[in-house]
Amino acid sequence: ELPVPLPIVLGHEPAGVIDLVGPGVKSLRTG
């Protein structure tokens, strides 16, 4: 009913642990 390009991994609102930080991120750290 909502067309999206396939294949796709569904789901959102994740909870977990940061394991990699991209450039410019200042307020979050690995772990």
Full PDB file with SEQRES, HELIX, SHEET, SSBOND, CRYST1, ORIGX, SCALE, CONECT and MASTER records, all heavy atoms in Angstrom:
SEQRES   1 A   31  GLU LEU PRO VAL PRO LEU PRO ILE VAL LEU GLY HIS GLU          
SEQRES   2 A   31  PRO ALA GLY VAL ILE ASP LEU VAL GLY PRO GLY VAL LYS          
SEQRES   3 A   31  SER LEU ARG THR GLY                                          
CRYST1    1.000    1.000    1.000  90.00  90.00  90.00 P 1           1          
ORIGX1      1.000000  0.000000  0.000000        0.00000                         
ORIGX2      0.000000  1.000000  0.000000        0.00000                         
ORIGX3      0.000000  0.000000  1.000000        0.00000                         
SCALE1      1.000000  0.000000  0.000000        0.00000                         
SCALE2      0.000000  1.000000  0.000000        0.00000                         
SCALE3      0.000000  0.000000  1.000000        0.00000                         
ATOM      1  N   GLU A   1       0.816  -1.220   0.000  1.00  0.00           N  
ATOM      2  CA  GLU A   1       0.000   0.000   0.000  1.00  0.00           C  
ATOM      3  C   GLU A   1       0.846   1.266   0.000  1.00  0.00           C  
ATOM      4  O   GLU A   1       0.355   2.334  -0.356  1.00  0.00           O  
ATOM      5  CB  GLU A   1      -0.929  -0.011   1.217  1.00  0.00           C  
ATOM      6  CG  GLU A   1      -1.903  -1.179   1.193  1.00  0.00           C  
ATOM      7  CD  GLU A   1      -2.469  -1.505   2.561  1.00  0.00           C  
ATOM      8  OE1 GLU A   1      -2.093  -0.854   3.552  1.00  0.00           O  
ATOM      9  OE2 GLU A   1      -3.296  -2.440   2.640  1.00  0.00           O  
ATOM     10  N   LEU A   2       2.075   1.170   0.429  1.00  0.00           N  
ATOM     11  CA  LEU A   2       3.029   2.280   0.383  1.00  0.00           C  
ATOM     12  C   LEU A   2       4.222   1.795  -0.433  1.00  0.00           C  
ATOM     13  O   LEU A   2       5.069   1.060   0.069  1.00  0.00           O  
ATOM     14  CB  LEU A   2       3.485   2.682   1.788  1.00  0.00           C  
ATOM     15  CG  LEU A   2       2.429   3.283   2.697  1.00  0.00           C  
ATOM     16  CD1 LEU A   2       2.988   3.477   4.104  1.00  0.00           C  
ATOM     17  CD2 LEU A   2       1.938   4.604   2.147  1.00  0.00           C  
ATOM     18  N   PRO A   3       4.286   2.158  -1.691  1.00  0.00           N  
ATOM     19  CA  PRO A   3       5.364   1.631  -2.530  1.00  0.00           C  
ATOM     20  C   PRO A   3       6.732   2.150  -2.108  1.00  0.00           C  
ATOM     21  O   PRO A   3       6.901   3.342  -1.869  1.00  0.00           O  
ATOM     22  CB  PRO A   3       4.990   2.110  -3.932  1.00  0.00           C  
ATOM     23  CG  PRO A   3       4.055   3.248  -3.730  1.00  0.00           C  
ATOM     24  CD  PRO A   3       3.395   3.062  -2.400  1.00  0.00           C  
ATOM     25  N   VAL A   4       7.654   1.233  -1.989  1.00  0.00           N  
ATOM     26  CA  VAL A   4       9.045   1.555  -1.678  1.00  0.00           C  
ATOM     27  C   VAL A   4       9.937   0.688  -2.574  1.00  0.00           C  
ATOM     28  O   VAL A   4       9.507  -0.373  -3.019  1.00  0.00           O  
ATOM     29  CB  VAL A   4       9.389   1.308  -0.191  1.00  0.00           C  
ATOM     30  CG1 VAL A   4       8.565   2.186   0.720  1.00  0.00           C  
ATOM     31  CG2 VAL A   4       9.218  -0.151   0.167  1.00  0.00           C  
ATOM     32  N   PRO A   5      11.150   1.126  -2.824  1.00  0.00           N  
ATOM     33  CA  PRO A   5      12.069   0.280  -3.603  1.00  0.00           C  
ATOM     34  C   PRO A   5      12.394  -0.988  -2.810  1.00  0.00           C  
ATOM     35  O   PRO A   5      12.638  -0.931  -1.603  1.00  0.00           O  
ATOM     36  CB  PRO A   5      13.309   1.144  -3.782  1.00  0.00           C  
ATOM     37  CG  PRO A   5      12.921   2.530  -3.391  1.00  0.00           C  
ATOM     38  CD  PRO A   5      11.735   2.424  -2.506  1.00  0.00           C  
ATOM     39  N   LEU A   6      12.370  -2.111  -3.479  1.00  0.00           N  
ATOM     40  CA  LEU A   6      12.706  -3.393  -2.854  1.00  0.00           C  
ATOM     41  C   LEU A   6      14.046  -3.872  -3.402  1.00  0.00           C  
ATOM     42  O   LEU A   6      14.390  -3.558  -4.528  1.00  0.00           O  
ATOM     43  CB  LEU A   6      11.612  -4.415  -3.146  1.00  0.00           C  
ATOM     44  CG  LEU A   6      10.227  -4.082  -2.591  1.00  0.00           C  
ATOM     45  CD1 LEU A   6       9.216  -5.129  -3.042  1.00  0.00           C  
ATOM     46  CD2 LEU A   6      10.245  -3.971  -1.077  1.00  0.00           C  
ATOM     47  N   PRO A   7      14.804  -4.619  -2.637  1.00  0.00           N  
ATOM     48  CA  PRO A   7      14.531  -5.109  -1.291  1.00  0.00           C  
ATOM     49  C   PRO A   7      14.713  -4.006  -0.252  1.00  0.00           C  
ATOM     50  O   PRO A   7      15.373  -3.003  -0.501  1.00  0.00           O  
ATOM     51  CB  PRO A   7      15.563  -6.206  -1.103  1.00  0.00           C  
ATOM     52  CG  PRO A   7      16.702  -5.809  -1.987  1.00  0.00           C  
ATOM     53  CD  PRO A   7      16.085  -5.092  -3.160  1.00  0.00           C  
ATOM     54  N   ILE A   8      14.117  -4.243   0.932  1.00  0.00           N  
ATOM     55  CA  ILE A   8      14.202  -3.280   2.031  1.00  0.00           C  
ATOM     56  C   ILE A   8      14.202  -4.029   3.361  1.00  0.00           C  
ATOM     57  O   ILE A   8      13.632  -5.114   3.473  1.00  0.00           O  
ATOM     58  CB  ILE A   8      13.032  -2.268   1.968  1.00  0.00           C  
ATOM     59  CG1 ILE A   8      13.241  -1.116   2.947  1.00  0.00           C  
ATOM     60  CG2 ILE A   8      11.701  -2.969   2.190  1.00  0.00           C  
ATOM     61  CD1 ILE A   8      12.256   0.032   2.785  1.00  0.00           C  
ATOM     62  N   VAL A   9      14.858  -3.448   4.349  1.00  0.00           N  
ATOM     63  CA  VAL A   9      14.798  -3.947   5.722  1.00  0.00           C  
ATOM     64  C   VAL A   9      13.849  -3.017   6.460  1.00  0.00           C  
ATOM     65  O   VAL A   9      14.121  -1.825   6.596  1.00  0.00           O  
ATOM     66  CB  VAL A   9      16.192  -3.963   6.392  1.00  0.00           C  
ATOM     67  CG1 VAL A   9      16.078  -4.409   7.843  1.00  0.00           C  
ATOM     68  CG2 VAL A   9      17.147  -4.865   5.616  1.00  0.00           C  
ATOM     69  N   LEU A  10      12.713  -3.548   6.902  1.00  0.00           N  
ATOM     70  CA  LEU A  10      11.723  -2.732   7.603  1.00  0.00           C  
ATOM     71  C   LEU A  10      12.089  -2.578   9.075  1.00  0.00           C  
ATOM     72  O   LEU A  10      12.918  -3.309   9.610  1.00  0.00           O  
ATOM     73  CB  LEU A  10      10.336  -3.354   7.465  1.00  0.00           C  
ATOM     74  CG  LEU A  10       9.768  -3.407   6.050  1.00  0.00           C  
ATOM     75  CD1 LEU A  10       8.419  -4.107   6.054  1.00  0.00           C  
ATOM     76  CD2 LEU A  10       9.638  -2.012   5.471  1.00  0.00           C  
ATOM     77  N   GLY A  11      11.389  -1.665   9.725  1.00  0.00           N  
ATOM     78  CA  GLY A  11      11.598  -1.432  11.143  1.00  0.00           C  
ATOM     79  C   GLY A  11      12.172  -0.046  11.371  1.00  0.00           C  
ATOM     80  O   GLY A  11      12.767   0.552  10.478  1.00  0.00           O  
ATOM     81  N   HIS A  12      11.931   0.458  12.539  1.00  0.00           N  
ATOM     82  CA  HIS A  12      12.417   1.781  12.909  1.00  0.00           C  
ATOM     83  C   HIS A  12      12.375   1.886  14.426  1.00  0.00           C  
ATOM     84  O   HIS A  12      12.109   0.904  15.104  1.00  0.00           O  
ATOM     85  CB  HIS A  12      11.568   2.870  12.243  1.00  0.00           C  
ATOM     86  CG  HIS A  12      10.130   2.830  12.644  1.00  0.00           C  
ATOM     87  ND1 HIS A  12       9.252   1.912  12.130  1.00  0.00           N  
ATOM     88  CD2 HIS A  12       9.434   3.550  13.533  1.00  0.00           C  
ATOM     89  CE1 HIS A  12       8.071   2.081  12.686  1.00  0.00           C  
ATOM     90  NE2 HIS A  12       8.156   3.071  13.545  1.00  0.00           N  
ATOM     91  N   GLU A  13      12.636   3.051  14.941  1.00  0.00           N  
ATOM     92  CA  GLU A  13      12.708   3.271  16.393  1.00  0.00           C  
ATOM     93  C   GLU A  13      13.677   2.288  17.049  1.00  0.00           C  
ATOM     94  O   GLU A  13      13.332   1.567  17.972  1.00  0.00           O  
ATOM     95  CB  GLU A  13      11.309   3.188  17.021  1.00  0.00           C  
ATOM     96  CG  GLU A  13      10.374   4.243  16.481  1.00  0.00           C  
ATOM     97  CD  GLU A  13       8.940   4.112  16.986  1.00  0.00           C  
ATOM     98  OE1 GLU A  13       8.636   3.160  17.709  1.00  0.00           O  
ATOM     99  OE2 GLU A  13       8.148   4.998  16.640  1.00  0.00           O  
ATOM    100  N   PRO A  14      14.926   2.266  16.562  1.00  0.00           N  
ATOM    101  CA  PRO A  14      15.884   1.308  17.096  1.00  0.00           C  
ATOM    102  C   PRO A  14      16.371   1.658  18.496  1.00  0.00           C  
ATOM    103  O   PRO A  14      16.371   2.822  18.900  1.00  0.00           O  
ATOM    104  CB  PRO A  14      17.043   1.407  16.103  1.00  0.00           C  
ATOM    105  CG  PRO A  14      16.975   2.812  15.607  1.00  0.00           C  
ATOM    106  CD  PRO A  14      15.502   3.129  15.527  1.00  0.00           C  
ATOM    107  N   ALA A  15      16.794   0.624  19.203  1.00  0.00           N  
ATOM    108  CA  ALA A  15      17.475   0.780  20.489  1.00  0.00           C  
ATOM    109  C   ALA A  15      18.689  -0.132  20.455  1.00  0.00           C  
ATOM    110  O   ALA A  15      18.621  -1.259  19.970  1.00  0.00           O  
ATOM    111  CB  ALA A  15      16.550   0.395  21.639  1.00  0.00           C  
ATOM    112  N   GLY A  16      19.804   0.374  20.924  1.00  0.00           N  
ATOM    113  CA  GLY A  16      21.017  -0.424  20.927  1.00  0.00           C  
ATOM    114  C   GLY A  16      22.209   0.370  21.410  1.00  0.00           C  
ATOM    115  O   GLY A  16      22.062   1.303  22.199  1.00  0.00           O  
ATOM    116  N   VAL A  17      23.376  -0.006  20.915  1.00  0.00           N  
ATOM    117  CA  VAL A  17      24.640   0.598  21.334  1.00  0.00           C  
ATOM    118  C   VAL A  17      25.358   1.126  20.086  1.00  0.00           C  
ATOM    119  O   VAL A  17      25.459   0.416  19.078  1.00  0.00           O  
ATOM    120  CB  VAL A  17      25.521  -0.433  22.063  1.00  0.00           C  
ATOM    121  CG1 VAL A  17      26.886   0.140  22.402  1.00  0.00           C  
ATOM    122  CG2 VAL A  17      24.829  -0.929  23.320  1.00  0.00           C  
ATOM    123  N   ILE A  18      25.862   2.338  20.166  1.00  0.00           N  
ATOM    124  CA  ILE A  18      26.607   2.909  19.052  1.00  0.00           C  
ATOM    125  C   ILE A  18      27.913   2.133  18.888  1.00  0.00           C  
ATOM    126  O   ILE A  18      28.664   1.974  19.844  1.00  0.00           O  
ATOM    127  CB  ILE A  18      26.893   4.407  19.281  1.00  0.00           C  
ATOM    128  CG1 ILE A  18      25.583   5.188  19.269  1.00  0.00           C  
ATOM    129  CG2 ILE A  18      27.866   4.942  18.227  1.00  0.00           C  
ATOM    130  CD1 ILE A  18      25.719   6.647  19.627  1.00  0.00           C  
ATOM    131  N   ASP A  19      28.147   1.644  17.654  1.00  0.00           N  
ATOM    132  CA  ASP A  19      29.397   0.921  17.418  1.00  0.00           C  
ATOM    133  C   ASP A  19      30.302   1.601  16.398  1.00  0.00           C  
ATOM    134  O   ASP A  19      31.429   1.169  16.192  1.00  0.00           O  
ATOM    135  CB  ASP A  19      29.135  -0.540  17.041  1.00  0.00           C  
ATOM    136  CG  ASP A  19      28.523  -0.723  15.663  1.00  0.00           C  
ATOM    137  OD1 ASP A  19      28.123   0.272  15.033  1.00  0.00           O  
ATOM    138  OD2 ASP A  19      28.431  -1.888  15.226  1.00  0.00           O  
ATOM    139  N   LEU A  20      29.818   2.679  15.767  1.00  0.00           N  
ATOM    140  CA  LEU A  20      30.660   3.425  14.840  1.00  0.00           C  
ATOM    141  C   LEU A  20      30.125   4.850  14.739  1.00  0.00           C  
ATOM    142  O   LEU A  20      28.912   5.047  14.624  1.00  0.00           O  
ATOM    143  CB  LEU A  20      30.659   2.755  13.459  1.00  0.00           C  
ATOM    144  CG  LEU A  20      31.721   3.166  12.468  1.00  0.00           C  
ATOM    145  CD1 LEU A  20      33.134   2.940  13.023  1.00  0.00           C  
ATOM    146  CD2 LEU A  20      31.559   2.370  11.173  1.00  0.00           C  
ATOM    147  N   VAL A  21      31.018   5.813  14.802  1.00  0.00           N  
ATOM    148  CA  VAL A  21      30.646   7.234  14.781  1.00  0.00           C  
ATOM    149  C   VAL A  21      31.201   7.872  13.517  1.00  0.00           C  
ATOM    150  O   VAL A  21      32.381   7.706  13.202  1.00  0.00           O  
ATOM    151  CB  VAL A  21      31.195   7.955  16.036  1.00  0.00           C  
ATOM    152  CG1 VAL A  21      30.905   9.440  15.991  1.00  0.00           C  
ATOM    153  CG2 VAL A  21      30.637   7.334  17.295  1.00  0.00           C  
ATOM    154  N   GLY A  22      30.337   8.577  12.788  1.00  0.00           N  
ATOM    155  CA  GLY A  22      30.762   9.271  11.576  1.00  0.00           C  
ATOM    156  C   GLY A  22      31.425  10.602  11.889  1.00  0.00           C  
ATOM    157  O   GLY A  22      31.381  11.098  13.019  1.00  0.00           O  
ATOM    158  N   PRO A  23      32.033  11.217  10.874  1.00  0.00           N  
ATOM    159  CA  PRO A  23      32.702  12.502  11.073  1.00  0.00           C  
ATOM    160  C   PRO A  23      31.739  13.591  11.516  1.00  0.00           C  
ATOM    161  O   PRO A  23      30.590  13.633  11.081  1.00  0.00           O  
ATOM    162  CB  PRO A  23      33.281  12.830   9.696  1.00  0.00           C  
ATOM    163  CG  PRO A  23      32.861  11.758   8.759  1.00  0.00           C  
ATOM    164  CD  PRO A  23      32.097  10.739   9.504  1.00  0.00           C  
ATOM    165  N   GLY A  24      32.215  14.436  12.421  1.00  0.00           N  
ATOM    166  CA  GLY A  24      31.435  15.585  12.865  1.00  0.00           C  
ATOM    167  C   GLY A  24      30.500  15.314  14.026  1.00  0.00           C  
ATOM    168  O   GLY A  24      29.891  16.245  14.545  1.00  0.00           O  
ATOM    169  N   VAL A  25      30.371  14.068  14.467  1.00  0.00           N  
ATOM    170  CA  VAL A  25      29.497  13.762  15.606  1.00  0.00           C  
ATOM    171  C   VAL A  25      30.242  14.121  16.880  1.00  0.00           C  
ATOM    172  O   VAL A  25      31.339  13.622  17.122  1.00  0.00           O  
ATOM    173  CB  VAL A  25      29.079  12.276  15.621  1.00  0.00           C  
ATOM    174  CG1 VAL A  25      28.289  11.948  16.872  1.00  0.00           C  
ATOM    175  CG2 VAL A  25      28.294  11.934  14.375  1.00  0.00           C  
ATOM    176  N   LYS A  26      29.638  14.990  17.679  1.00  0.00           N  
ATOM    177  CA  LYS A  26      30.311  15.466  18.892  1.00  0.00           C  
ATOM    178  C   LYS A  26      29.634  15.022  20.183  1.00  0.00           C  
ATOM    179  O   LYS A  26      30.271  14.931  21.216  1.00  0.00           O  
ATOM    180  CB  LYS A  26      30.402  16.990  18.850  1.00  0.00           C  
ATOM    181  CG  LYS A  26      31.249  17.504  17.704  1.00  0.00           C  
ATOM    182  CD  LYS A  26      31.348  19.004  17.741  1.00  0.00           C  
ATOM    183  CE  LYS A  26      32.111  19.646  16.650  1.00  0.00           C  
ATOM    184  NZ  LYS A  26      32.743  18.958  15.635  1.00  0.00           N  
ATOM    185  N   SER A  27      28.323  14.753  20.134  1.00  0.00           N  
ATOM    186  CA  SER A  27      27.604  14.496  21.379  1.00  0.00           C  
ATOM    187  C   SER A  27      27.423  13.013  21.673  1.00  0.00           C  
ATOM    188  O   SER A  27      26.904  12.663  22.727  1.00  0.00           O  
ATOM    189  CB  SER A  27      26.235  15.186  21.342  1.00  0.00           C  
ATOM    190  OG  SER A  27      25.464  14.680  20.272  1.00  0.00           O  
ATOM    191  N   LEU A  28      27.845  12.125  20.785  1.00  0.00           N  
ATOM    192  CA  LEU A  28      27.700  10.679  20.997  1.00  0.00           C  
ATOM    193  C   LEU A  28      29.035   9.997  20.776  1.00  0.00           C  
ATOM    194  O   LEU A  28      29.852  10.457  19.980  1.00  0.00           O  
ATOM    195  CB  LEU A  28      26.659  10.100  20.039  1.00  0.00           C  
ATOM    196  CG  LEU A  28      25.240  10.627  20.194  1.00  0.00           C  
ATOM    197  CD1 LEU A  28      24.381  10.211  19.012  1.00  0.00           C  
ATOM    198  CD2 LEU A  28      24.632  10.140  21.497  1.00  0.00           C  
ATOM    199  N   ARG A  29      29.223   8.871  21.481  1.00  0.00           N  
ATOM    200  CA  ARG A  29      30.482   8.135  21.378  1.00  0.00           C  
ATOM    201  C   ARG A  29      30.204   6.641  21.219  1.00  0.00           C  
ATOM    202  O   ARG A  29      29.157   6.147  21.616  1.00  0.00           O  
ATOM    203  CB  ARG A  29      31.314   8.338  22.641  1.00  0.00           C  
ATOM    204  CG  ARG A  29      31.566   9.791  22.974  1.00  0.00           C  
ATOM    205  CD  ARG A  29      32.997  10.001  23.404  1.00  0.00           C  
ATOM    206  NE  ARG A  29      33.273  11.368  23.790  1.00  0.00           N  
ATOM    207  CZ  ARG A  29      33.452  12.379  22.946  1.00  0.00           C  
ATOM    208  NH1 ARG A  29      33.305  12.194  21.678  1.00  0.00           N  
ATOM    209  NH2 ARG A  29      33.738  13.583  23.368  1.00  0.00           N  
ATOM    210  N   THR A  30      31.186   5.930  20.672  1.00  0.00           N  
ATOM    211  CA  THR A  30      31.115   4.484  20.593  1.00  0.00           C  
ATOM    212  C   THR A  30      30.860   3.927  22.001  1.00  0.00           C  
ATOM    213  O   THR A  30      31.485   4.362  22.961  1.00  0.00           O  
ATOM    214  CB  THR A  30      32.427   3.911  20.021  1.00  0.00           C  
ATOM    215  OG1 THR A  30      32.624   4.461  18.724  1.00  0.00           O  
ATOM    216  CG2 THR A  30      32.388   2.398  19.940  1.00  0.00           C  
ATOM    217  N   GLY A  31      29.907   3.001  22.095  1.00  0.00           N  
ATOM    218  CA  GLY A  31      29.560   2.406  23.383  1.00  0.00           C  
ATOM    219  C   GLY A  31      28.361   3.048  24.058  1.00  0.00           C  
ATOM    220  O   GLY A  31      27.808   2.487  24.996  1.00  0.00           O  
TER     221      GLY A  31                                                      
MASTER        0    0    0    0    0    0    0    6  220    1    0    3          
END                                                                             
